[in-house]
Protein backbone atom coordinates (compact mmCIF):
# COMPACT_ATOMS: atom_id res chain seq x y z
CA MET A 1 79.70 -96.86 -57.04
CA SER A 2 77.32 -98.62 -54.66
CA THR A 3 78.23 -101.57 -52.47
CA THR A 4 75.90 -103.78 -54.52
CA THR A 5 77.66 -102.83 -57.76
CA ARG A 6 81.13 -103.40 -56.30
CA LEU A 7 80.12 -106.77 -54.86
CA ALA A 8 78.47 -107.94 -58.10
CA LEU A 9 81.46 -106.89 -60.18
CA ALA A 10 83.91 -108.54 -57.82
CA VAL A 11 82.02 -111.85 -57.74
CA ARG A 12 81.33 -112.11 -61.48
CA VAL A 13 84.81 -111.06 -62.62
CA LEU A 14 86.40 -113.40 -60.07
CA ILE A 15 84.27 -116.30 -61.33
CA ALA A 16 85.15 -115.45 -64.92
CA LEU A 17 88.88 -115.38 -64.17
CA CYS A 18 88.80 -118.59 -62.13
CA THR A 19 86.69 -120.67 -64.52
CA ARG A 20 88.75 -123.64 -65.68
CA THR A 21 86.04 -125.96 -66.98
CA PHE A 22 84.22 -126.71 -70.22
CA PHE A 23 80.47 -126.13 -70.40
CA GLN A 24 79.22 -125.33 -73.93
CA PRO A 25 81.08 -125.13 -77.27
CA ASP A 26 79.23 -121.90 -78.11
CA GLU A 27 81.29 -120.18 -75.43
CA TYR A 28 84.22 -120.38 -77.84
CA PHE A 29 82.92 -121.06 -81.35
CA GLN A 30 80.13 -118.46 -81.40
CA SER A 31 82.08 -115.76 -79.60
CA LEU A 32 85.87 -115.91 -79.31
CA GLU A 33 86.67 -117.80 -82.53
CA PRO A 34 84.89 -115.38 -84.91
CA ALA A 35 86.54 -112.43 -83.16
CA HIS A 36 89.95 -114.11 -83.37
CA HIS A 37 89.39 -114.76 -87.07
CA ALA A 38 88.35 -111.15 -87.70
CA VAL A 39 91.54 -109.79 -86.12
CA PHE A 40 94.22 -112.43 -86.76
CA GLY A 41 92.87 -114.06 -89.91
CA TYR A 42 92.61 -117.64 -88.67
CA ALA A 43 90.24 -119.58 -86.42
CA HIS A 44 87.83 -122.49 -86.51
CA LEU A 45 84.61 -121.09 -87.95
CA THR A 46 81.61 -123.38 -87.72
CA TRP A 47 78.86 -123.87 -90.29
CA GLU A 48 76.72 -121.15 -88.72
CA TRP A 49 79.24 -118.60 -90.01
CA LEU A 50 80.13 -120.21 -93.33
CA ALA A 51 76.76 -121.43 -94.62
CA PRO A 52 75.40 -119.76 -97.78
CA LYS A 53 72.89 -118.04 -95.50
CA PRO A 54 74.79 -117.51 -92.22
CA ILE A 55 72.68 -117.51 -89.09
CA ARG A 56 75.05 -115.83 -86.60
CA SER A 57 75.45 -112.09 -86.19
CA ILE A 58 78.88 -110.61 -85.57
CA ILE A 59 77.41 -108.23 -83.00
CA TYR A 60 78.19 -110.41 -79.98
CA PRO A 61 81.69 -111.61 -81.03
CA ALA A 62 82.46 -107.98 -81.94
CA LEU A 63 82.69 -107.21 -78.22
CA ASN A 64 85.97 -109.14 -78.18
CA ILE A 65 87.41 -107.58 -81.33
CA PRO A 66 88.71 -104.34 -79.71
CA ILE A 67 90.59 -106.42 -77.12
CA PHE A 68 92.23 -108.65 -79.73
CA TRP A 69 92.96 -105.70 -82.02
CA THR A 70 94.58 -103.69 -79.21
CA LEU A 71 96.83 -106.58 -78.22
CA LYS A 72 97.79 -107.05 -81.85
CA ALA A 73 98.46 -103.34 -82.38
CA LEU A 74 100.66 -103.21 -79.28
CA ALA A 75 102.57 -106.28 -80.51
CA LEU A 76 101.63 -108.09 -77.31
CA SER A 77 99.64 -110.89 -78.91
CA GLU A 78 102.74 -112.86 -79.90
CA THR A 79 104.43 -112.67 -76.48
CA TRP A 80 104.05 -115.15 -73.65
CA ILE A 81 101.99 -112.65 -71.68
CA GLY A 82 99.91 -111.90 -74.77
CA ALA A 83 98.67 -115.49 -74.93
CA TRP A 84 97.49 -115.06 -71.34
CA LEU A 85 95.89 -111.67 -72.01
CA LEU A 86 94.03 -113.00 -75.07
CA ILE A 87 92.20 -115.39 -72.76
CA TYR A 88 91.75 -113.41 -69.56
CA ILE A 89 90.90 -109.89 -70.72
CA PRO A 90 87.80 -111.17 -72.60
CA ARG A 91 86.91 -113.06 -69.44
CA MET A 92 87.06 -109.84 -67.43
CA LEU A 93 84.81 -108.16 -70.01
CA HIS A 94 82.19 -110.90 -69.88
CA GLY A 95 82.37 -111.03 -66.09
CA THR A 96 81.68 -107.29 -66.01
CA LEU A 97 78.70 -107.68 -68.34
CA ALA A 98 77.40 -110.53 -66.18
CA ALA A 99 77.34 -108.27 -63.12
CA ALA A 100 74.55 -106.24 -64.74
CA THR A 101 72.19 -109.13 -64.02
CA ASP A 102 72.82 -108.89 -60.27
CA ILE A 103 72.77 -105.09 -60.21
CA TRP A 104 69.50 -104.66 -62.06
CA LEU A 105 67.85 -107.58 -60.29
CA CYS A 106 68.24 -105.51 -57.12
CA GLU A 107 66.47 -102.63 -58.86
CA ILE A 108 63.57 -104.92 -59.82
CA ALA A 109 63.30 -106.18 -56.24
CA ARG A 110 63.48 -102.64 -54.81
CA ARG A 111 60.83 -101.30 -57.14
CA TRP A 112 58.29 -104.11 -57.11
CA LEU A 113 58.85 -105.84 -53.75
CA GLY A 114 60.44 -103.28 -51.45
CA SER A 115 63.87 -102.44 -50.08
CA GLN A 116 63.67 -105.20 -47.45
CA TYR A 117 63.76 -107.81 -50.24
CA VAL A 118 66.82 -106.47 -52.07
CA SER A 119 69.57 -108.21 -50.09
CA THR A 120 67.75 -111.54 -50.36
CA ALA A 121 67.37 -111.20 -54.13
CA LEU A 122 71.06 -110.30 -54.43
CA PHE A 123 72.07 -113.26 -52.28
CA LEU A 124 69.99 -115.62 -54.46
CA SER A 125 71.59 -114.25 -57.59
CA LEU A 126 75.19 -114.31 -56.33
CA THR A 127 74.88 -117.86 -54.98
CA SER A 128 72.93 -119.19 -57.97
CA PHE A 129 74.46 -122.41 -59.24
CA PHE A 130 73.46 -121.74 -62.83
CA HIS A 131 74.69 -118.15 -62.77
CA SER A 132 78.05 -119.46 -61.51
CA LEU A 133 78.12 -122.07 -64.24
CA SER A 134 77.03 -119.90 -67.15
CA LEU A 135 76.60 -116.16 -66.54
CA SER A 136 80.27 -115.10 -66.59
CA ARG A 137 81.11 -117.14 -69.68
CA SER A 138 81.32 -115.73 -73.20
CA LEU A 139 77.90 -117.12 -74.17
CA SER A 140 75.37 -115.02 -76.05
CA ASN A 141 72.72 -116.34 -73.64
CA SER A 142 74.63 -114.73 -70.77
CA LEU A 143 74.67 -111.28 -72.39
CA GLU A 144 71.04 -111.84 -73.36
CA THR A 145 70.25 -112.45 -69.67
CA SER A 146 71.99 -109.25 -68.55
CA LEU A 147 70.35 -107.10 -71.23
CA THR A 148 66.94 -108.65 -70.54
CA THR A 149 67.30 -107.99 -66.81
CA ILE A 150 68.04 -104.31 -67.47
CA ALA A 151 64.97 -104.13 -69.71
CA PHE A 152 62.91 -105.89 -67.03
CA ALA A 153 64.02 -103.28 -64.48
CA HIS A 154 62.45 -100.49 -66.56
CA TYR A 155 59.33 -102.32 -67.74
CA PRO A 156 55.97 -101.25 -66.18
CA TRP A 157 55.13 -104.55 -64.51
CA ASP A 158 52.19 -102.99 -62.66
CA ALA A 159 50.32 -102.41 -65.92
CA SER A 160 46.69 -103.51 -65.74
CA SER A 161 43.28 -102.58 -67.06
CA HIS A 162 42.52 -100.94 -63.71
CA LEU A 163 45.44 -98.50 -63.93
CA SER A 164 45.36 -95.27 -65.89
CA PRO A 165 47.39 -95.39 -69.14
CA GLN A 166 49.12 -92.16 -68.03
CA LEU A 167 50.38 -93.94 -64.92
CA ILE A 168 51.48 -97.03 -66.86
CA TYR A 169 53.36 -95.30 -69.65
CA ASN A 170 56.57 -93.44 -68.87
CA SER A 171 58.30 -92.37 -72.07
CA SER A 172 61.83 -92.31 -70.64
CA ARG A 173 61.62 -95.69 -68.92
CA MET A 174 59.91 -97.26 -71.91
CA LYS A 175 62.65 -95.99 -74.20
CA THR A 176 65.24 -97.70 -72.00
CA THR A 177 63.21 -100.91 -71.99
CA LEU A 178 62.95 -100.87 -75.77
CA ILE A 179 66.65 -100.19 -76.30
CA PHE A 180 67.82 -103.03 -74.07
CA SER A 181 65.19 -105.47 -75.26
CA ALA A 182 66.25 -104.70 -78.86
CA LEU A 183 69.88 -105.33 -77.93
CA ALA A 184 68.88 -108.60 -76.27
CA CYS A 185 67.05 -109.68 -79.44
CA ALA A 186 70.09 -108.72 -81.51
CA ALA A 187 72.28 -110.92 -79.32
CA ARG A 188 69.75 -113.80 -79.38
CA PRO A 189 66.82 -113.49 -81.82
CA THR A 190 64.78 -115.95 -79.75
CA ASN A 191 64.60 -113.31 -77.01
CA ALA A 192 61.80 -111.80 -79.08
CA VAL A 193 59.53 -114.51 -77.63
CA ILE A 194 59.57 -112.68 -74.28
CA TRP A 195 58.98 -109.21 -75.70
CA PHE A 196 56.30 -110.22 -78.17
CA TYR A 197 54.20 -111.14 -75.16
CA LEU A 198 55.16 -108.24 -72.87
CA TYR A 199 54.70 -105.51 -75.47
CA GLY A 200 51.50 -107.10 -76.76
CA LYS A 201 50.11 -107.13 -73.23
CA LEU A 202 51.18 -103.53 -72.71
CA PHE A 203 49.37 -102.37 -75.83
CA TRP A 204 46.25 -104.14 -74.58
CA PHE A 205 46.38 -102.36 -71.22
CA LEU A 206 46.88 -98.98 -72.93
CA ARG A 207 44.11 -99.47 -75.48
CA SER A 208 41.79 -96.94 -73.80
CA SER A 209 44.20 -94.10 -74.61
CA ARG A 210 44.85 -93.77 -78.34
CA ARG A 211 47.41 -91.05 -77.76
CA THR A 212 49.46 -93.26 -75.47
CA VAL A 213 49.16 -96.22 -77.84
CA ARG A 214 50.41 -94.06 -80.73
CA ALA A 215 53.34 -92.80 -78.64
CA LEU A 216 54.34 -96.35 -77.66
CA PHE A 217 53.87 -97.64 -81.21
CA LEU A 218 56.10 -94.88 -82.56
CA GLN A 219 58.83 -95.76 -80.04
CA VAL A 220 58.59 -99.47 -80.83
CA VAL A 221 58.78 -98.91 -84.58
CA THR A 222 61.60 -96.35 -84.36
CA ILE A 223 63.87 -98.31 -82.03
CA GLY A 224 63.02 -101.63 -83.67
CA LEU A 225 63.78 -100.28 -87.14
CA ILE A 226 67.07 -98.76 -85.98
CA ALA A 227 68.05 -102.07 -84.39
CA VAL A 228 67.21 -104.14 -87.49
CA LEU A 229 68.92 -101.74 -89.92
CA SER A 230 72.01 -101.51 -87.69
CA LEU A 231 72.22 -105.28 -87.45
CA PHE A 232 71.73 -105.61 -91.21
CA ALA A 233 74.50 -103.08 -91.89
CA LEU A 234 76.94 -104.64 -89.43
CA ASP A 235 76.40 -108.20 -90.65
CA SER A 236 76.43 -107.21 -94.31
CA LEU A 237 79.76 -105.48 -93.72
CA TYR A 238 81.17 -108.55 -91.98
CA TYR A 239 79.91 -111.11 -94.52
CA GLN A 240 80.57 -108.83 -97.51
CA LYS A 241 77.06 -109.42 -98.85
CA PRO A 242 73.52 -108.36 -97.83
CA THR A 243 72.76 -110.46 -94.74
CA LEU A 244 69.92 -110.38 -92.25
CA THR A 245 70.98 -113.00 -89.73
CA PRO A 246 67.80 -113.05 -87.59
CA LEU A 247 65.78 -114.05 -90.67
CA ASN A 248 68.32 -116.73 -91.61
CA PHE A 249 68.32 -117.94 -88.01
CA LEU A 250 64.53 -118.24 -87.99
CA LEU A 251 64.32 -120.07 -91.31
CA THR A 252 67.10 -122.50 -90.39
CA ASN A 253 65.72 -123.31 -86.97
CA LEU A 254 62.22 -123.82 -88.34
CA SER A 255 63.70 -126.70 -90.30
CA SER A 256 64.76 -130.07 -88.96
CA VAL A 257 68.39 -128.93 -88.67
CA SER A 258 67.78 -127.73 -85.10
CA LEU A 259 66.86 -131.29 -84.12
CA PHE A 260 70.23 -132.46 -85.42
CA TYR A 261 71.63 -131.28 -82.06
CA GLY A 262 69.11 -133.21 -80.00
CA SER A 263 65.41 -133.57 -79.36
CA ASN A 264 63.78 -133.39 -75.93
CA SER A 265 60.41 -134.13 -74.43
CA TRP A 266 57.80 -131.38 -74.09
CA HIS A 267 58.22 -131.21 -70.30
CA TYR A 268 62.03 -130.77 -70.43
CA TYR A 269 61.99 -127.19 -69.12
CA LEU A 270 59.63 -128.08 -66.27
CA THR A 271 61.29 -131.30 -65.13
CA GLN A 272 64.95 -130.64 -65.95
CA ALA A 273 65.76 -127.02 -66.76
CA LEU A 274 63.88 -125.29 -63.93
CA PRO A 275 65.35 -127.55 -61.21
CA ILE A 276 68.85 -126.96 -62.62
CA LEU A 277 68.37 -123.21 -62.92
CA CYS A 278 66.82 -122.76 -59.48
CA THR A 279 68.43 -125.64 -57.49
CA THR A 280 67.94 -124.92 -53.76
CA ALA A 281 65.77 -121.88 -54.51
CA LEU A 282 63.17 -123.96 -56.35
CA PRO A 283 60.81 -124.56 -53.37
CA PHE A 284 60.76 -120.82 -52.67
CA VAL A 285 60.25 -119.98 -56.34
CA LEU A 286 57.19 -122.22 -56.43
CA HIS A 287 55.87 -120.86 -53.13
CA GLY A 288 56.42 -117.28 -54.28
CA MET A 289 54.54 -117.96 -57.51
CA TRP A 290 51.66 -119.63 -55.71
CA SER A 291 51.34 -116.71 -53.30
CA VAL A 292 50.73 -114.20 -56.11
CA VAL A 293 48.58 -116.21 -58.52
CA PHE A 294 45.33 -115.35 -56.75
CA ASP A 295 46.46 -112.05 -55.21
CA ARG A 296 44.60 -109.28 -57.03
CA HIS A 297 46.78 -106.66 -55.35
CA ALA A 298 50.03 -108.08 -56.75
CA ALA A 299 49.56 -107.04 -60.38
CA ALA A 300 53.30 -106.63 -61.03
CA LEU A 301 54.18 -110.08 -59.75
CA ARG A 302 51.26 -111.66 -61.57
CA ASN A 303 52.50 -110.12 -64.81
CA MET A 304 55.94 -111.56 -64.10
CA PHE A 305 54.37 -114.95 -63.46
CA THR A 306 52.43 -114.94 -66.74
CA ALA A 307 55.60 -113.86 -68.58
CA VAL A 308 57.46 -116.86 -67.15
CA VAL A 309 54.62 -119.22 -68.09
CA TRP A 310 54.47 -117.78 -71.61
CA CYS A 311 58.21 -118.09 -72.12
CA ILE A 312 58.43 -121.69 -70.89
CA GLY A 313 55.33 -122.63 -72.86
CA CYS A 314 56.69 -121.23 -76.13
CA TYR A 315 60.14 -122.73 -75.73
CA SER A 316 58.61 -126.09 -74.82
CA MET A 317 57.08 -126.29 -78.30
CA ALA A 318 60.52 -126.49 -79.92
CA GLY A 319 62.14 -129.88 -80.35
CA HIS A 320 65.69 -128.85 -79.42
CA LYS A 321 65.96 -127.57 -75.85
CA GLU A 322 68.79 -126.53 -73.56
CA TRP A 323 68.93 -125.21 -70.01
CA ARG A 324 70.50 -121.94 -71.09
CA PHE A 325 67.68 -121.06 -73.48
CA ILE A 326 65.49 -119.95 -70.54
CA HIS A 327 68.35 -118.32 -68.63
CA PRO A 328 66.87 -114.80 -69.19
CA ILE A 329 63.86 -115.56 -66.99
CA LEU A 330 65.98 -116.72 -64.03
CA PRO A 331 66.08 -113.18 -62.52
CA LEU A 332 62.26 -113.19 -62.42
CA LEU A 333 62.35 -116.57 -60.68
CA HIS A 334 64.72 -115.08 -58.10
CA ILE A 335 62.18 -112.31 -57.47
CA PHE A 336 59.56 -114.91 -56.54
CA ALA A 337 62.04 -116.76 -54.34
CA ALA A 338 63.05 -113.55 -52.56
CA LYS A 339 59.42 -112.72 -51.82
CA SER A 340 58.81 -116.18 -50.45
CA LEU A 341 61.94 -116.26 -48.28
CA VAL A 342 61.41 -112.85 -46.68
CA ASP A 343 57.69 -113.35 -46.15
CA LEU A 344 58.22 -116.74 -44.53
CA SER A 345 60.97 -115.32 -42.30
CA ASP A 346 59.19 -112.11 -41.30
CA ARG A 347 58.09 -113.34 -37.90
CA GLY A 348 60.50 -111.53 -35.63
CA SER A 349 59.06 -109.68 -32.67
CA THR A 350 59.12 -105.90 -32.33
CA LYS A 351 61.78 -106.25 -29.63
CA GLU A 352 64.02 -108.30 -31.91
CA ARG A 353 63.68 -105.72 -34.69
CA LYS A 354 64.61 -102.91 -32.29
CA ILE A 355 67.74 -104.83 -31.26
CA ALA A 356 68.64 -105.39 -34.89
CA ASN A 357 68.16 -101.69 -35.70
CA LYS A 358 70.34 -100.72 -32.73
CA ARG A 359 73.08 -103.09 -33.88
CA ALA A 360 72.88 -101.62 -37.37
CA VAL A 361 74.13 -98.22 -36.16
CA GLU A 362 76.71 -99.48 -33.66
CA PRO A 363 80.37 -99.66 -34.80
CA ARG A 364 81.45 -103.29 -35.10
CA PRO A 365 84.27 -105.42 -36.51
CA PHE A 366 84.26 -106.60 -40.13
CA ILE A 367 82.99 -110.12 -39.34
CA GLN A 368 80.03 -108.73 -37.42
CA ARG A 369 79.28 -106.26 -40.22
CA PHE A 370 79.29 -109.16 -42.67
CA ILE A 371 76.96 -111.26 -40.51
CA TYR A 372 74.49 -108.41 -40.01
CA SER A 373 74.49 -107.64 -43.74
CA LEU A 374 73.19 -111.12 -44.60
CA PRO A 375 69.63 -111.35 -45.92
CA PRO A 376 66.85 -111.02 -43.31
CA ILE A 377 65.78 -114.63 -43.61
CA ARG A 378 65.89 -117.62 -41.29
CA LYS A 379 69.27 -119.19 -40.66
CA GLY A 380 67.98 -122.55 -41.85
CA PHE A 381 66.94 -121.03 -45.17
CA LEU A 382 70.31 -119.31 -45.46
CA ILE A 383 72.22 -122.55 -44.89
CA PHE A 384 70.00 -124.45 -47.32
CA LEU A 385 70.49 -121.85 -50.07
CA SER A 386 74.24 -121.84 -49.46
CA LEU A 387 74.50 -125.52 -50.39
CA THR A 388 74.89 -124.33 -53.98
CA ILE A 389 78.27 -122.74 -53.20
CA PRO A 390 80.34 -125.97 -52.98
CA ALA A 391 78.62 -127.28 -56.13
CA SER A 392 79.35 -123.99 -57.91
CA LEU A 393 83.01 -124.11 -56.93
CA TYR A 394 83.24 -127.66 -58.24
CA VAL A 395 81.74 -126.94 -61.67
CA VAL A 396 83.77 -123.75 -62.07
CA LEU A 397 87.14 -125.11 -60.95
CA PHE A 398 87.21 -128.86 -61.47
CA TYR A 399 84.45 -130.60 -63.42
CA CYS A 400 85.63 -131.35 -66.99
CA SER A 401 88.66 -129.08 -66.76
CA ALA A 402 90.87 -131.32 -68.92
CA PRO A 403 89.48 -130.05 -72.28
CA ILE A 404 90.71 -126.59 -71.26
CA SER A 405 94.01 -127.73 -69.74
CA VAL A 406 95.01 -129.71 -72.83
CA LEU A 407 95.15 -126.51 -74.88
CA SER A 408 97.66 -125.05 -72.44
CA TYR A 409 99.78 -128.12 -73.15
CA VAL A 410 99.33 -127.68 -76.91
CA ARG A 411 100.21 -124.00 -76.64
CA SER A 412 103.44 -124.89 -74.83
CA LEU A 413 104.70 -127.39 -77.44
CA PRO A 414 108.05 -126.37 -78.99
CA VAL A 415 107.91 -124.80 -82.44
CA ASN A 416 110.50 -127.24 -83.74
CA ASP A 417 108.41 -130.16 -82.57
CA LEU A 418 105.50 -129.04 -84.77
CA ARG A 419 107.45 -127.76 -87.78
CA ASN A 420 107.26 -131.23 -89.31
CA GLY A 421 104.15 -132.59 -87.68
CA GLY A 422 100.67 -131.58 -86.63
CA ILE A 423 97.95 -132.38 -84.12
CA GLY A 424 94.80 -134.43 -84.66
CA PHE A 425 91.83 -134.36 -82.28
CA LEU A 426 89.99 -137.70 -82.31
CA MET A 427 87.18 -136.30 -80.18
CA PRO A 428 83.51 -135.52 -80.72
CA CYS A 429 83.38 -132.18 -82.52
CA HIS A 430 83.92 -128.99 -80.53
CA SER A 431 85.08 -130.79 -77.39
CA THR A 432 87.76 -128.18 -76.66
CA PRO A 433 88.12 -124.45 -77.36
CA GLY A 434 89.71 -123.44 -80.65
CA HIS A 435 92.47 -121.19 -81.94
CA ALA A 436 91.52 -118.29 -79.66
CA TYR A 437 92.83 -120.36 -76.72
CA ILE A 438 95.96 -121.54 -78.54
CA HIS A 439 96.90 -118.56 -80.71
CA ARG A 440 99.59 -120.30 -82.73
CA LYS A 441 99.58 -119.45 -86.41
CA ASP A 442 101.87 -122.38 -87.12
CA LEU A 443 98.92 -124.65 -86.26
CA ALA A 444 96.60 -122.96 -88.75
CA SER A 445 96.23 -124.00 -92.39
CA GLY A 446 95.63 -127.67 -91.70
CA LYS A 447 98.26 -128.52 -89.10
CA MET A 448 95.61 -128.93 -86.43
CA TRP A 449 92.43 -130.76 -87.35
CA THR A 450 89.35 -132.01 -85.54
CA LEU A 451 86.47 -134.31 -86.43
CA GLY A 452 83.52 -132.46 -87.92
CA CYS A 453 79.80 -132.61 -87.23
CA GLU A 454 78.21 -130.55 -89.97
CA PRO A 455 74.40 -130.77 -89.98
CA PRO A 456 72.51 -131.85 -93.11
CA LEU A 457 72.02 -128.36 -94.51
CA GLN A 458 70.87 -129.79 -97.83
CA TYR A 459 67.64 -130.83 -96.07
CA VAL A 460 66.79 -127.43 -94.59
CA ALA A 461 64.15 -126.57 -97.15
CA SER A 462 62.67 -130.02 -97.52
CA CYS A 463 62.28 -131.23 -93.94
CA PRO A 464 60.43 -128.64 -91.81
CA SER A 465 60.10 -129.82 -88.23
CA VAL A 466 59.56 -127.50 -85.31
CA LEU A 467 57.58 -129.63 -82.93
CA VAL A 468 58.93 -132.53 -80.93
CA SER A 469 59.45 -135.66 -82.97
CA PRO A 470 57.43 -138.77 -82.11
CA ARG A 471 60.64 -140.57 -81.17
CA ASP A 472 61.17 -138.10 -78.36
CA GLU A 473 64.31 -139.15 -76.53
CA PRO A 474 66.79 -136.77 -74.83
CA ASN A 475 69.81 -138.62 -76.19
CA ASN A 476 68.50 -139.11 -79.71
CA HIS A 477 70.92 -136.69 -81.37
CA ARG A 478 69.96 -137.55 -84.91
CA ASN A 479 66.20 -137.60 -84.49
CA GLN A 480 65.20 -135.47 -87.47
CA ASN A 481 63.66 -137.99 -89.88
CA LEU A 482 66.98 -138.25 -91.73
CA PRO A 483 68.00 -141.76 -90.66
CA THR A 484 70.64 -142.18 -93.33
CA TYR A 485 72.64 -139.06 -92.46
CA ARG A 486 75.78 -139.46 -90.35
CA ASP A 487 78.36 -136.76 -89.69
CA GLN A 488 82.08 -137.38 -89.35
CA THR A 489 81.91 -137.83 -85.58
CA ASP A 490 79.20 -140.46 -86.04
CA VAL A 491 81.20 -142.31 -88.67
CA PHE A 492 84.39 -142.33 -86.60
CA PHE A 493 82.86 -143.49 -83.32
CA HIS A 494 80.63 -146.07 -85.00
CA SER A 495 83.82 -148.06 -85.64
CA PRO A 496 87.04 -146.25 -84.64
CA VAL A 497 89.34 -149.09 -85.73
CA GLU A 498 87.72 -149.33 -89.15
CA TYR A 499 88.00 -145.57 -89.59
CA LEU A 500 91.69 -145.54 -88.57
CA GLN A 501 92.46 -148.42 -90.90
CA SER A 502 90.51 -147.19 -93.93
CA ARG A 503 91.08 -143.43 -93.82
CA PHE A 504 94.67 -143.33 -92.52
CA PRO A 505 97.66 -144.77 -94.38
CA ALA A 506 99.07 -148.14 -93.37
CA HIS A 507 102.34 -146.61 -92.22
CA VAL A 508 103.29 -143.35 -90.53
CA ASN A 509 105.01 -140.94 -92.90
CA LEU A 510 107.91 -139.55 -90.85
CA SER A 511 107.68 -136.19 -92.63
CA PHE A 512 104.14 -135.86 -91.20
CA PRO A 513 102.56 -134.20 -94.26
CA LEU A 514 99.24 -132.36 -94.02
CA SER A 515 96.13 -134.50 -94.21
CA PRO A 516 94.39 -134.17 -97.61
CA PHE A 517 90.82 -134.09 -96.25
CA PRO A 518 90.77 -134.42 -92.44
CA SER A 519 87.45 -132.71 -91.64
CA SER A 520 84.08 -131.83 -93.05
CA ILE A 521 83.88 -128.46 -94.73
CA SER A 522 81.88 -126.06 -92.56
CA GLY A 523 78.82 -124.69 -94.28
CA ALA A 524 79.28 -126.87 -97.39
CA PRO A 525 76.79 -129.77 -97.54
CA ALA A 526 77.91 -132.99 -99.19
CA PRO A 527 74.85 -135.10 -100.10
CA ASP A 528 77.01 -137.98 -101.27
CA GLY A 529 79.33 -137.96 -98.27
CA TYR A 530 82.73 -136.45 -97.57
CA PRO A 531 85.93 -138.17 -98.79
CA TRP A 532 87.67 -137.95 -95.43
CA ALA A 533 91.34 -138.87 -95.68
CA HIS A 534 94.11 -138.36 -93.12
CA GLU A 535 97.86 -138.52 -92.68
CA TRP A 536 99.13 -139.62 -89.30
CA PRO A 537 100.02 -136.49 -87.23
CA ARG A 538 102.81 -136.22 -84.67
CA TYR A 539 100.28 -135.78 -81.84
CA LEU A 540 96.86 -137.28 -81.23
CA VAL A 541 94.42 -135.89 -78.66
CA PHE A 542 91.41 -137.87 -77.48
CA PHE A 543 89.25 -138.80 -74.51
CA GLY A 544 90.28 -141.84 -72.49
CA THR A 545 87.07 -143.64 -73.37
CA LEU A 546 88.39 -144.08 -76.92
CA LEU A 547 91.04 -146.50 -75.63
CA GLU A 548 88.27 -148.69 -74.28
CA GLU A 549 87.12 -149.39 -77.83
CA GLU A 550 88.35 -152.82 -78.88
CA GLY A 551 91.55 -152.68 -80.87
CA VAL A 552 92.17 -148.91 -80.71
CA GLN A 553 95.00 -148.93 -78.16
CA ASN A 554 96.78 -151.84 -79.88
CA LEU A 555 96.51 -150.12 -83.26
CA LEU A 556 97.93 -146.82 -82.00
CA GLU A 557 100.78 -148.53 -80.15
CA ALA A 558 101.59 -150.56 -83.25
CA LYS A 559 101.91 -147.31 -85.21
CA GLY A 560 104.45 -146.05 -82.68
CA TYR A 561 102.30 -143.77 -80.53
CA GLY A 562 102.56 -143.48 -76.76
CA GLU A 563 101.05 -141.31 -74.03
CA VAL A 564 102.87 -138.08 -73.09
CA TRP A 565 100.13 -136.15 -71.22
CA ARG A 566 96.88 -136.90 -69.45
CA LYS A 567 94.51 -135.10 -67.16
CA GLY A 568 90.98 -135.44 -65.88
CA ARG A 569 89.00 -137.96 -63.89
CA SER A 570 87.66 -141.01 -65.70
CA TRP A 571 84.09 -140.60 -64.48
CA GLU A 572 83.68 -136.96 -65.52
CA GLY A 573 81.81 -136.02 -68.67
CA GLU A 574 79.14 -137.91 -70.54
CA GLY A 575 78.85 -140.26 -73.48
CA LEU A 576 81.94 -140.20 -75.66
CA ARG A 577 83.50 -137.37 -73.61
CA LYS A 578 84.64 -139.45 -70.64
CA GLY A 579 87.86 -140.92 -69.34
CA GLY A 580 89.85 -137.69 -69.08
CA VAL A 581 91.89 -136.24 -71.94
CA ARG A 582 94.98 -138.01 -73.29
CA VAL A 583 97.74 -136.78 -75.58
CA TRP A 584 99.72 -139.41 -77.47
CA LYS A 585 102.85 -138.65 -79.47
CA TRP A 586 104.54 -140.64 -82.23
CA ARG A 587 107.76 -142.05 -80.80
CA GLY A 588 108.68 -144.59 -83.44
């Protein structure tokens, strides 16, 4: 195992194990929860899994199933250490998968830039703020990024009309590219946007050789067909009915339902996502791109540049946008930054290089070895790039950690305390992880409920809307030409006191019965509205900002509730997810 591989594995697994903060609900509800449900029979499945035409494939959550099944088979899942292993072994798995991005980025740099650029590319990747925030988490975008990077490492980036088709096409390398790009598309169907362009361009460059075109076409069709049929078989087995999730995903997201989760301006990826993804590397990314645009001898880098432009252009046409959607192109951006940094720093004299080469072969202490192994770039650049490290530590260890910590508290509650009483989460939907982080069967079957946020699935067929809406505002979360639709979270936070008075009984029932209809039904549209109705639970969990709503604190105290746990800083989070997390218990 090479030093690069060991370092990448160590960094990514360490980040995965140390992550204590909340970033995206999909980290839990599109990965761990379905796997937990498949093995243990209970979890919080969202509408994507329960809709008449489900849009999520089991292929990505299935990575966690062997871990959960093994712990269950060994009777470890119900022990105190089992609860810990259920959380941290999947983290180790996803950290290991994340390391592939760093490892194969080095191969891209070595092949298309040169060995002198490898350490700089690796440094950029390992210190990347966005990689630290997202890459080691159980997000399908993270696996998509790793698989795409492996495919990138085998793709013939030097393809051009001036190069012989026999030199462009390598059957073995192309087979590897096709396999990993197919896997990336299976994990995230939208990854096909990248490969539609790259394979289309490759066919164009090979057009002068019919034999080569036929060979490539046969490989594309064979591997593509195997991937689609395998995905169809796996998902049909999981859903117990014929299911092609990529098709369902496409049809659903071509409707206005995607805008239910937010609409953004056309320049979102240029003005927000790229600065967040690149952070301190952004000036060097831009300089690296500019240096190859008009360089006729840099065909490989120009092809990478056009691929980045294509990807951002296509994704910018969609109304709903997120930073992580363009995560797979971040390794290519690091290639441009590495080129810029090394080229700008390559001004050492011949004498200085001889001294450096002499030092490289001399025995030296560990600290000196570490210093001399740093990228061959200016110290000022190195310090500037390293400014991401404190920010990365903060978002991994501290920022919005309370939504994770509160589940440790819930997991530790005595069984007797919850035998006659449950837990209600008065939070925006999916503000904390689900059952996979609690693993208490006594809280299944209605004893733990959350507010729902089911999209208006009944409008999927009648309201197509792919482009950005005219009322293009980043915070307009219901901007899909369905002004009358409000989900449960909307209804509750529109007037919390009214909701608590009208949908909860006037007095607390000391037997704490199950709520008759506490949440929306995932995947089941209700055109006429849901008849939400609650019983008061023994515990209530909410963000501190809820107590700032007029009358809420007085109402809860009048019912006999009082605070028993709190964590988090009041200024962390955004919107309704601020004020730290509070747990209130009925005390009488």
